[in-house]
Amino acid sequence: MEQQPKTLQEAIIYFADPDNCRDYVVARRWPKGVTCPRCHGDKVKFQEKYNRWQCASHHARRQFTVKTGTIFEDSPLSLQKWLPAVWLIVNCKNGISSYEIHRALGVTQKTAWFMLHRIRLGMQARPFVQSMSGQVEVDETFIGGKSRNMHKSKRAKKITGTGGKDKTAVLGILQRGGSIATAVVPNTKKKVLQPLVKDHVAAGSSIFSDALKSYEGLSKRYDHEVIDHAVSYVEGNVHTNGMENFWSLLKRGLHGTYISVEPFHLFRYLDEQTWRYNNRKEMQDADRFSKVLTQVVGKRVTYDELIGKVGETAVN
């Protein structure tokens, strides 16, 4: 391949050539050579006229393209539009809205919305298998509309005070100096939060949390220290500032870029922001772009699944 792009400007020029698009994705999907996505055989022949491969094995649907079996499958859009969209979402710190993709790529807003959700599926790293250790911060937050943005009649119905009424609860677990895991949770009760902490954090680790009563009892398994935000936010190394910074970044994207996010889709936006956070260090834009293209195989979401017409198989 030619010199590969390092910046967005170079990417736009480079991916204007459909052959460059195909070769770039092939190199990341099949680094050891093209194989059939159905039988995994390597006896395949490229049909340049039709821009697809023919598998020599005798099975149904022997022809395939670079999109087959990926988040791009069955999309009428070319990789010339898909790849710039992937570049933008993985590298924009606060995300990018469907309206921006619609204007930038010349597709409808509905199509852009569908594209972004398919790319978020490619960024999904669940199930989370890494066991955190060392110093770990645990914190929860609530995501939802702000009362000042609501119509007066709706705002009057809300119960005054703080808490998670009419909002969605989210749990975050951060290994200091390492990665983060997030999950939408039904509530912030002990029976919900503590099993998730135990699944993701190795026994004997140091855990820092706020004074939420749901974390009481973690000291039996961990070195658990609590910071009471009613008193202070930092006491030496006892704080949850790492998680608070992540929540701030997440909410800046949700309220500033996406404006309105349905609770049904919230876990997808968490996947997006979590992926960018976990890949922020020692990686350039081109590296993040290249990495996410290695994660697009075997993931598929249809439009009906996105709008809730049929059940989705992805783990929430």
Protein backbone atom coordinates (compact mmCIF):
# COMPACT_ATOMS: atom_id res chain seq x y z
CA MET A 1 0.00 0.00 0.00
CA GLU A 2 0.96 3.64 -0.35
CA GLN A 3 2.04 5.78 2.58
CA GLN A 4 -0.84 5.37 5.00
CA PRO A 5 -2.68 8.41 6.44
CA LYS A 6 -1.64 9.96 9.74
CA THR A 7 -4.07 12.89 9.86
CA LEU A 8 -7.72 13.43 8.98
CA GLN A 9 -6.77 15.45 5.91
CA GLU A 10 -4.52 12.65 4.66
CA ALA A 11 -7.24 10.09 5.45
CA ILE A 12 -9.86 11.93 3.37
CA ILE A 13 -7.51 11.98 0.37
CA TYR A 14 -6.25 8.41 0.86
CA PHE A 15 -9.68 6.82 1.30
CA ALA A 16 -11.09 8.60 -1.74
CA ASP A 17 -9.59 5.67 -3.67
CA PRO A 18 -11.80 2.55 -3.24
CA ASP A 19 -8.79 0.26 -3.75
CA ASN A 20 -7.00 1.92 -0.84
CA CYS A 21 -10.10 1.43 1.32
CA ARG A 22 -10.31 -2.26 0.51
CA ASP A 23 -6.58 -2.92 0.93
CA TYR A 24 -6.44 -1.04 4.24
CA VAL A 25 -9.28 -3.07 5.78
CA VAL A 26 -8.01 -6.36 4.31
CA ALA A 27 -4.59 -5.83 5.92
CA ARG A 28 -6.23 -5.52 9.34
CA ARG A 29 -8.92 -8.13 8.95
CA TRP A 30 -6.73 -10.79 7.33
CA PRO A 31 -3.09 -10.01 8.29
CA LYS A 32 -2.05 -13.56 7.29
CA GLY A 33 -3.97 -13.58 4.02
CA VAL A 34 -7.62 -13.55 2.93
CA THR A 35 -9.75 -16.46 4.14
CA CYS A 36 -13.41 -17.28 3.63
CA PRO A 37 -15.47 -15.80 6.52
CA ARG A 38 -17.79 -18.84 6.43
CA CYS A 39 -15.53 -21.89 6.09
CA HIS A 40 -12.24 -20.12 6.95
CA GLY A 41 -10.55 -21.75 3.98
CA ASP A 42 -7.68 -19.95 2.27
CA LYS A 43 -8.42 -21.19 -1.25
CA VAL A 44 -10.02 -17.99 -2.45
CA LYS A 45 -9.73 -16.05 -5.69
CA PHE A 46 -10.24 -12.31 -6.01
CA GLN A 47 -12.63 -11.19 -8.76
CA GLU A 48 -11.43 -7.68 -9.52
CA LYS A 49 -14.33 -6.91 -11.84
CA TYR A 50 -16.85 -7.43 -9.01
CA ASN A 51 -14.58 -6.38 -6.11
CA ARG A 52 -15.18 -9.64 -4.23
CA TRP A 53 -13.68 -13.05 -3.56
CA GLN A 54 -14.79 -16.52 -4.62
CA CYS A 55 -14.24 -19.40 -2.21
CA ALA A 56 -13.24 -22.73 -3.79
CA SER A 57 -15.05 -24.75 -1.09
CA HIS A 58 -18.48 -26.13 -1.90
CA HIS A 59 -20.80 -24.32 0.48
CA ALA A 60 -23.66 -21.84 0.15
CA ARG A 61 -22.85 -18.19 -0.49
CA ARG A 62 -19.26 -18.80 -1.55
CA GLN A 63 -18.72 -15.22 -2.68
CA PHE A 64 -17.83 -12.55 -0.13
CA THR A 65 -16.46 -9.03 0.18
CA VAL A 66 -14.32 -7.28 2.75
CA LYS A 67 -17.58 -6.15 4.45
CA THR A 68 -18.96 -9.66 4.94
CA GLY A 69 -19.24 -10.58 8.61
CA THR A 70 -18.44 -7.06 9.88
CA ILE A 71 -20.34 -4.01 11.12
CA PHE A 72 -20.32 -2.83 7.48
CA GLU A 73 -22.19 -5.87 6.11
CA ASP A 74 -25.21 -5.24 3.88
CA SER A 75 -24.60 -1.50 3.91
CA PRO A 76 -25.11 0.17 0.51
CA LEU A 77 -22.55 2.80 1.52
CA SER A 78 -19.02 2.38 0.27
CA LEU A 79 -15.96 2.19 2.51
CA GLN A 80 -15.11 5.64 1.13
CA LYS A 81 -17.84 6.97 3.45
CA TRP A 82 -17.53 4.43 6.24
CA LEU A 83 -13.82 4.88 6.95
CA PRO A 84 -13.85 8.69 7.41
CA ALA A 85 -16.82 8.21 9.79
CA VAL A 86 -14.82 5.67 11.81
CA TRP A 87 -11.83 8.04 11.91
CA LEU A 88 -13.97 10.87 13.26
CA ILE A 89 -15.76 8.98 16.03
CA VAL A 90 -12.67 7.24 17.43
CA ASN A 91 -10.65 10.45 17.56
CA CYS A 92 -13.14 13.20 18.52
CA LYS A 93 -12.70 13.62 22.27
CA ASN A 94 -16.32 14.61 22.87
CA GLY A 95 -17.79 12.42 20.13
CA ILE A 96 -19.44 13.52 16.91
CA SER A 97 -23.16 13.81 16.25
CA SER A 98 -25.16 12.22 13.46
CA TYR A 99 -25.93 15.68 12.11
CA GLU A 100 -22.22 16.40 11.74
CA ILE A 101 -21.67 13.09 9.93
CA HIS A 102 -24.73 13.84 7.77
CA ARG A 103 -23.28 17.18 6.65
CA ALA A 104 -19.68 15.98 6.31
CA LEU A 105 -20.34 12.82 4.29
CA GLY A 106 -23.47 13.76 2.38
CA VAL A 107 -25.71 11.04 3.81
CA THR A 108 -29.07 11.44 5.52
CA GLN A 109 -29.15 12.07 9.27
CA LYS A 110 -30.97 8.77 9.78
CA THR A 111 -28.22 6.93 7.89
CA ALA A 112 -25.53 8.76 9.86
CA TRP A 113 -27.22 7.79 13.16
CA PHE A 114 -27.28 4.14 12.08
CA MET A 115 -23.63 4.31 11.00
CA LEU A 116 -22.49 5.72 14.33
CA HIS A 117 -24.28 3.02 16.31
CA ARG A 118 -22.69 0.31 14.18
CA ILE A 119 -19.26 1.83 14.75
CA ARG A 120 -19.94 1.98 18.50
CA LEU A 121 -20.62 -1.74 18.38
CA GLY A 122 -17.18 -2.17 16.82
CA MET A 123 -15.71 -0.20 19.74
CA GLN A 124 -17.46 -2.42 22.28
CA ALA A 125 -15.00 -4.31 24.46
CA ARG A 126 -17.48 -6.39 26.48
CA PRO A 127 -17.44 -8.75 28.20
CA PHE A 128 -14.81 -7.05 30.31
CA VAL A 129 -12.26 -9.73 31.19
CA GLN A 130 -9.30 -7.81 32.59
CA SER A 131 -8.91 -8.16 36.34
CA MET A 132 -7.98 -4.82 37.90
CA SER A 133 -5.57 -4.62 40.78
CA GLY A 134 -3.48 -2.11 42.70
CA GLN A 135 -5.30 1.14 43.40
CA VAL A 136 -8.84 1.13 42.04
CA GLU A 137 -11.52 3.82 42.14
CA VAL A 138 -15.20 2.88 42.20
CA ASP A 139 -17.93 5.44 41.64
CA GLU A 140 -21.48 5.76 40.41
CA THR A 141 -23.34 8.54 38.65
CA PHE A 142 -26.75 9.26 37.18
CA ILE A 143 -27.34 10.18 33.55
CA GLY A 144 -30.46 11.99 32.41
CA GLY A 145 -32.10 15.23 31.36
CA LYS A 146 -31.53 18.38 33.34
CA SER A 147 -34.56 19.95 34.98
CA ARG A 148 -33.74 23.41 33.59
CA ASN A 149 -34.08 22.01 30.05
CA MET A 150 -37.54 20.60 30.67
CA HIS A 151 -40.90 22.21 29.99
CA LYS A 152 -42.34 23.89 33.06
CA SER A 153 -45.19 21.37 33.29
CA LYS A 154 -42.76 18.41 33.35
CA ARG A 155 -40.38 20.11 35.73
CA ALA A 156 -43.21 20.69 38.19
CA LYS A 157 -43.90 16.95 38.34
CA LYS A 158 -40.35 16.09 39.35
CA ILE A 159 -39.57 15.62 43.01
CA THR A 160 -37.14 18.26 44.18
CA GLY A 161 -33.79 17.33 45.65
CA THR A 162 -30.86 15.20 44.54
CA GLY A 163 -30.80 11.57 43.53
CA GLY A 164 -31.45 9.39 40.53
CA LYS A 165 -35.19 9.79 40.02
CA ASP A 166 -35.97 9.75 36.28
CA LYS A 167 -32.29 9.13 35.51
CA THR A 168 -30.19 6.09 34.60
CA ALA A 169 -27.57 4.77 37.02
CA VAL A 170 -24.06 4.00 35.76
CA LEU A 171 -21.17 2.32 37.58
CA GLY A 172 -17.53 3.02 36.81
CA ILE A 173 -14.41 1.12 37.93
CA LEU A 174 -11.02 2.73 37.24
CA GLN A 175 -7.58 1.27 37.81
CA ARG A 176 -5.30 4.20 38.48
CA GLY A 177 -2.81 4.49 35.65
CA GLY A 178 -4.71 1.84 33.70
CA SER A 179 -8.08 1.18 32.14
CA ILE A 180 -11.69 1.80 33.03
CA ALA A 181 -14.84 -0.34 32.93
CA THR A 182 -18.36 1.06 32.89
CA ALA A 183 -21.82 -0.44 32.97
CA VAL A 184 -25.43 0.70 33.04
CA VAL A 185 -27.01 -0.67 36.23
CA PRO A 186 -30.68 -0.94 37.25
CA ASN A 187 -29.99 0.82 40.57
CA THR A 188 -27.19 1.60 43.02
CA LYS A 189 -28.08 -0.96 45.67
CA LYS A 190 -25.44 -3.16 47.29
CA LYS A 191 -26.69 -6.36 45.66
CA VAL A 192 -26.16 -4.77 42.22
CA LEU A 193 -22.88 -2.87 42.66
CA GLN A 194 -20.79 -5.20 44.79
CA PRO A 195 -20.95 -8.27 42.49
CA LEU A 196 -19.69 -6.08 39.61
CA VAL A 197 -16.82 -4.79 41.71
CA LYS A 198 -15.88 -8.34 42.73
CA ASP A 199 -16.01 -9.51 39.10
CA HIS A 200 -13.62 -6.80 37.90
CA VAL A 201 -11.25 -6.18 40.82
CA ALA A 202 -8.78 -8.72 42.19
CA ALA A 203 -9.03 -9.53 45.90
CA GLY A 204 -6.55 -7.66 48.07
CA SER A 205 -6.57 -4.53 45.92
CA SER A 206 -6.97 -1.04 47.37
CA ILE A 207 -10.41 0.34 46.60
CA PHE A 208 -11.43 3.98 46.96
CA SER A 209 -15.09 5.00 46.90
CA ASP A 210 -17.43 7.67 48.17
CA ALA A 211 -19.58 7.22 51.26
CA LEU A 212 -22.45 5.44 49.50
CA LYS A 213 -23.73 2.74 51.87
CA SER A 214 -23.87 0.22 49.02
CA TYR A 215 -20.06 -0.10 49.22
CA GLU A 216 -20.11 -1.09 52.90
CA GLY A 217 -18.70 -4.58 53.36
CA LEU A 218 -16.04 -4.37 50.63
CA SER A 219 -13.38 -4.20 53.35
CA LYS A 220 -13.80 -7.96 53.87
CA ARG A 221 -12.21 -8.56 50.46
CA TYR A 222 -10.30 -5.33 49.76
CA ASP A 223 -8.36 -2.56 51.45
CA HIS A 224 -11.34 -0.23 51.24
CA GLU A 225 -11.05 3.48 52.01
CA VAL A 226 -13.88 6.00 51.81
CA ILE A 227 -13.94 9.71 51.01
CA ASP A 228 -17.02 11.54 52.28
CA HIS A 229 -17.78 14.27 49.74
CA ALA A 230 -19.84 16.12 52.34
CA VAL A 231 -16.57 16.75 54.19
CA SER A 232 -13.84 16.85 51.52
CA TYR A 233 -12.95 15.54 48.08
CA VAL A 234 -9.32 14.56 48.68
CA GLU A 235 -7.49 13.17 51.68
CA GLY A 236 -4.01 12.14 50.59
CA ASN A 237 -4.45 9.41 47.99
CA VAL A 238 -8.04 8.74 49.08
CA HIS A 239 -10.27 10.22 46.39
CA THR A 240 -12.32 9.31 43.32
CA ASN A 241 -11.09 12.18 41.16
CA GLY A 242 -10.14 9.88 38.28
CA MET A 243 -13.71 8.62 37.99
CA GLU A 244 -15.11 12.13 38.48
CA ASN A 245 -12.99 13.35 35.58
CA PHE A 246 -14.31 10.54 33.38
CA TRP A 247 -17.92 11.34 34.31
CA SER A 248 -17.29 14.98 33.45
CA LEU A 249 -15.93 14.02 30.02
CA LEU A 250 -18.82 11.61 29.41
CA LYS A 251 -21.50 14.13 30.34
CA ARG A 252 -19.85 16.86 28.29
CA GLY A 253 -20.25 14.62 25.24
CA LEU A 254 -23.79 13.51 26.10
CA HIS A 255 -25.11 17.00 26.83
CA GLY A 256 -22.96 19.00 24.42
CA THR A 257 -22.59 16.75 21.37
CA TYR A 258 -25.45 14.27 21.44
CA ILE A 259 -27.94 16.51 23.29
CA SER A 260 -30.51 13.74 23.88
CA VAL A 261 -29.67 10.09 24.56
CA GLU A 262 -32.36 7.53 25.26
CA PRO A 263 -31.66 5.22 28.25
CA PHE A 264 -32.13 2.27 25.87
CA HIS A 265 -29.01 3.37 23.96
CA LEU A 266 -26.93 4.71 26.85
CA PHE A 267 -24.66 1.66 27.08
CA ARG A 268 -23.56 2.26 23.48
CA TYR A 269 -22.36 5.78 24.29
CA LEU A 270 -20.59 4.37 27.35
CA ASP A 271 -18.81 1.87 25.08
CA GLU A 272 -17.70 4.73 22.83
CA GLN A 273 -16.31 6.95 25.60
CA THR A 274 -14.78 4.00 27.48
CA TRP A 275 -12.95 2.82 24.34
CA ARG A 276 -11.51 6.27 23.68
CA TYR A 277 -10.42 6.60 27.32
CA ASN A 278 -8.72 3.19 27.36
CA ASN A 279 -6.88 3.95 24.12
CA ARG A 280 -5.91 7.56 24.81
CA LYS A 281 -2.28 6.98 25.84
CA GLU A 282 0.71 6.32 23.59
CA MET A 283 -1.51 6.19 20.50
CA GLN A 284 -1.86 8.61 17.61
CA ASP A 285 -5.11 9.14 15.69
CA ALA A 286 -4.04 6.72 12.97
CA ASP A 287 -3.24 4.03 15.58
CA ARG A 288 -6.68 4.28 17.19
CA PHE A 289 -8.32 4.15 13.78
CA SER A 290 -6.31 1.10 12.77
CA LYS A 291 -7.04 -0.66 16.06
CA VAL A 292 -10.80 -0.27 15.90
CA LEU A 293 -10.83 -1.77 12.39
CA THR A 294 -9.43 -4.97 13.89
CA GLN A 295 -12.53 -5.16 16.12
CA VAL A 296 -15.30 -4.91 13.51
CA VAL A 297 -15.49 -8.61 12.61
CA GLY A 298 -18.28 -10.76 14.02
CA LYS A 299 -20.36 -7.82 15.20
CA ARG A 300 -23.69 -6.94 13.69
CA VAL A 301 -26.66 -4.80 14.67
CA THR A 302 -29.68 -4.16 12.46
CA TYR A 303 -31.81 -1.04 12.33
CA ASP A 304 -34.79 -2.90 13.79
CA GLU A 305 -32.66 -3.92 16.77
CA LEU A 306 -31.55 -0.34 17.30
CA ILE A 307 -35.10 0.99 17.39
CA GLY A 308 -36.29 -1.86 19.62
CA LYS A 309 -38.44 -3.79 17.15
CA VAL A 310 -36.56 -7.05 17.79
CA GLY A 311 -34.41 -8.32 20.65
CA GLU A 312 -30.70 -7.57 20.57
CA THR A 313 -28.06 -10.16 21.37
CA ALA A 314 -25.39 -7.75 22.62
CA VAL A 315 -24.75 -7.93 26.36
CA ASN A 316 -25.79 -4.70 28.03
